[in-house]
């Protein structure tokens, strides 16, 4: 009977170690997950700004504001060129 008690205790200890190990592994992966989340959020933000700037059906004020935010966030290329030339966004670089 005492052997069964030991087996149960050993099983409980191993189960607890498995839970601790999984929690530790999740904490180790957390910085990369947060970095990826930040990158994806920024990419989505820039995509929304690009769409707003280029959509002729959007009100002009919103397009100008989106263009300013796009340039300030480091946006480049054709969208920046359009925002500076067509929407008259000041490029402060």
C-alpha atoms as a PDB file:
ATOM      1  CA  UNK A   1       0.000   0.000   0.000  1.00  0.00           C
ATOM      2  CA  UNK A   2       2.799   2.396   0.810  1.00  0.00           C
ATOM      3  CA  UNK A   3       4.334   1.750  -2.615  1.00  0.00           C
ATOM      4  CA  UNK A   4       1.163   3.004  -4.296  1.00  0.00           C
ATOM      5  CA  UNK A   5       1.408   6.201  -2.228  1.00  0.00           C
ATOM      6  CA  UNK A   6       4.984   6.719  -3.409  1.00  0.00           C
ATOM      7  CA  UNK A   7       3.985   6.123  -7.007  1.00  0.00           C
ATOM      8  CA  UNK A   8       1.183   8.680  -6.675  1.00  0.00           C
ATOM      9  CA  UNK A   9       3.563  11.207  -5.105  1.00  0.00           C
ATOM     10  CA  UNK A  10       6.183  10.646  -7.803  1.00  0.00           C
ATOM     11  CA  UNK A  11       3.503  11.047 -10.484  1.00  0.00           C
ATOM     12  CA  UNK A  12       2.286  14.264  -8.883  1.00  0.00           C
ATOM     13  CA  UNK A  13       5.849  15.611  -8.704  1.00  0.00           C
ATOM     14  CA  UNK A  14       6.486  14.740 -12.359  1.00  0.00           C
ATOM     15  CA  UNK A  15       3.201  16.373 -13.355  1.00  0.00           C
ATOM     16  CA  UNK A  16       4.143  19.506 -11.459  1.00  0.00           C
ATOM     17  CA  UNK A  17       7.553  19.548 -13.148  1.00  0.00           C
ATOM     18  CA  UNK A  18       5.905  19.213 -16.553  1.00  0.00           C
ATOM     19  CA  UNK A  19       3.637  22.203 -15.812  1.00  0.00           C
ATOM     20  CA  UNK A  20       6.593  24.260 -14.586  1.00  0.00           C
ATOM     21  CA  UNK A  21       8.606  23.319 -17.700  1.00  0.00           C
ATOM     22  CA  UNK A  22       5.789  24.354 -20.047  1.00  0.00           C
ATOM     23  CA  UNK A  23       5.351  27.657 -18.225  1.00  0.00           C
ATOM     24  CA  UNK A  24       9.109  28.269 -18.425  1.00  0.00           C
ATOM     25  CA  UNK A  25       9.127  27.473 -22.161  1.00  0.00           C
ATOM     26  CA  UNK A  26       6.227  29.900 -22.715  1.00  0.00           C
ATOM     27  CA  UNK A  27       8.046  32.672 -20.828  1.00  0.00           C
ATOM     28  CA  UNK A  28      11.178  32.076 -22.906  1.00  0.00           C
ATOM     29  CA  UNK A  29       9.164  32.455 -26.157  1.00  0.00           C
ATOM     30  CA  UNK A  30       7.299  35.555 -24.960  1.00  0.00           C
ATOM     31  CA  UNK A  31       9.805  38.240 -26.112  1.00  0.00           C
ATOM     32  CA  UNK A  32       9.872  36.867 -29.678  1.00  0.00           C
ATOM     33  CA  UNK A  33       6.075  36.640 -29.697  1.00  0.00           C
ATOM     34  CA  UNK A  34       5.788  40.256 -28.517  1.00  0.00           C
ATOM     35  CA  UNK A  35       8.355  41.381 -31.084  1.00  0.00           C
ATOM     36  CA  UNK A  36       6.423  39.650 -33.874  1.00  0.00           C
ATOM     37  CA  UNK A  37       3.164  41.118 -32.578  1.00  0.00           C
ATOM     38  CA  UNK A  38       4.663  44.615 -32.587  1.00  0.00           C
ATOM     39  CA  UNK A  39       6.021  44.174 -36.120  1.00  0.00           C
ATOM     40  CA  UNK A  40       2.704  42.897 -37.458  1.00  0.00           C
ATOM     41  CA  UNK A  41       0.794  45.689 -35.737  1.00  0.00           C
ATOM     42  CA  UNK A  42       3.093  48.294 -37.294  1.00  0.00           C
ATOM     43  CA  UNK A  43       2.770  46.675 -40.730  1.00  0.00           C
ATOM     44  CA  UNK A  44      -1.032  46.754 -40.425  1.00  0.00           C
ATOM     45  CA  UNK A  45      -0.941  50.391 -39.298  1.00  0.00           C
ATOM     46  CA  UNK A  46       1.170  51.371 -42.293  1.00  0.00           C
ATOM     47  CA  UNK A  47      -1.082  49.402 -44.658  1.00  0.00           C
ATOM     48  CA  UNK A  48      -4.168  51.211 -43.370  1.00  0.00           C
ATOM     49  CA  UNK A  49      -2.421  54.553 -43.811  1.00  0.00           C
ATOM     50  CA  UNK A  50      -1.425  53.607 -47.377  1.00  0.00           C
ATOM     51  CA  UNK A  51      -4.985  52.652 -48.209  1.00  0.00           C
ATOM     52  CA  UNK A  52      -6.345  55.854 -46.689  1.00  0.00           C
ATOM     53  CA  UNK A  53      -3.891  58.060 -48.570  1.00  0.00           C
ATOM     54  CA  UNK A  54      -4.602  56.453 -51.925  1.00  0.00           C
ATOM     55  CA  UNK A  55      -8.396  56.078 -51.649  1.00  0.00           C
ATOM     56  CA  UNK A  56      -9.989  58.878 -53.704  1.00  0.00           C
ATOM     57  CA  UNK A  57     -13.325  58.289 -51.957  1.00  0.00           C
ATOM     58  CA  UNK A  58     -11.912  59.264 -48.552  1.00  0.00           C
ATOM     59  CA  UNK A  59     -12.342  62.879 -47.439  1.00  0.00           C
ATOM     60  CA  UNK A  60      -9.321  64.990 -48.327  1.00  0.00           C
ATOM     61  CA  UNK A  61      -8.656  65.932 -44.693  1.00  0.00           C
ATOM     62  CA  UNK A  62      -8.358  62.285 -43.675  1.00  0.00           C
ATOM     63  CA  UNK A  63      -6.065  61.569 -46.614  1.00  0.00           C
ATOM     64  CA  UNK A  64      -3.797  64.470 -45.648  1.00  0.00           C
ATOM     65  CA  UNK A  65      -3.680  63.393 -42.002  1.00  0.00           C
ATOM     66  CA  UNK A  66      -2.949  59.794 -43.005  1.00  0.00           C
ATOM     67  CA  UNK A  67      -0.212  61.047 -45.334  1.00  0.00           C
ATOM     68  CA  UNK A  68       1.410  63.038 -42.532  1.00  0.00           C
ATOM     69  CA  UNK A  69       1.307  60.028 -40.224  1.00  0.00           C
ATOM     70  CA  UNK A  70       2.689  57.798 -42.970  1.00  0.00           C
ATOM     71  CA  UNK A  71       5.662  60.072 -43.612  1.00  0.00           C
ATOM     72  CA  UNK A  72       6.309  60.602 -39.878  1.00  0.00           C
ATOM     73  CA  UNK A  73       6.258  56.827 -39.295  1.00  0.00           C
ATOM     74  CA  UNK A  74       9.015  56.379 -41.871  1.00  0.00           C
ATOM     75  CA  UNK A  75       6.920  55.416 -44.861  1.00  0.00           C
ATOM     76  CA  UNK A  76       8.716  55.535 -48.173  1.00  0.00           C
ATOM     77  CA  UNK A  77       8.296  54.940 -51.860  1.00  0.00           C
ATOM     78  CA  UNK A  78       5.425  55.854 -54.124  1.00  0.00           C
ATOM     79  CA  UNK A  79       2.992  56.554 -51.281  1.00  0.00           C
ATOM     80  CA  UNK A  80       5.369  59.067 -49.715  1.00  0.00           C
ATOM     81  CA  UNK A  81       5.975  60.660 -53.110  1.00  0.00           C
ATOM     82  CA  UNK A  82       2.216  60.938 -53.687  1.00  0.00           C
ATOM     83  CA  UNK A  83       1.629  62.379 -50.208  1.00  0.00           C
ATOM     84  CA  UNK A  84       4.360  64.993 -50.628  1.00  0.00           C
ATOM     85  CA  UNK A  85       3.571  65.984 -54.221  1.00  0.00           C
ATOM     86  CA  UNK A  86      -0.198  65.633 -54.436  1.00  0.00           C
ATOM     87  CA  UNK A  87      -1.346  66.166 -50.848  1.00  0.00           C
ATOM     88  CA  UNK A  88       1.435  68.683 -50.085  1.00  0.00           C
ATOM     89  CA  UNK A  89       2.695  66.920 -46.980  1.00  0.00           C
ATOM     90  CA  UNK A  90       5.850  68.498 -45.595  1.00  0.00           C
ATOM     91  CA  UNK A  91       8.740  66.049 -45.694  1.00  0.00           C
ATOM     92  CA  UNK A  92      10.885  66.995 -42.676  1.00  0.00           C
ATOM     93  CA  UNK A  93      13.816  64.733 -43.555  1.00  0.00           C
END
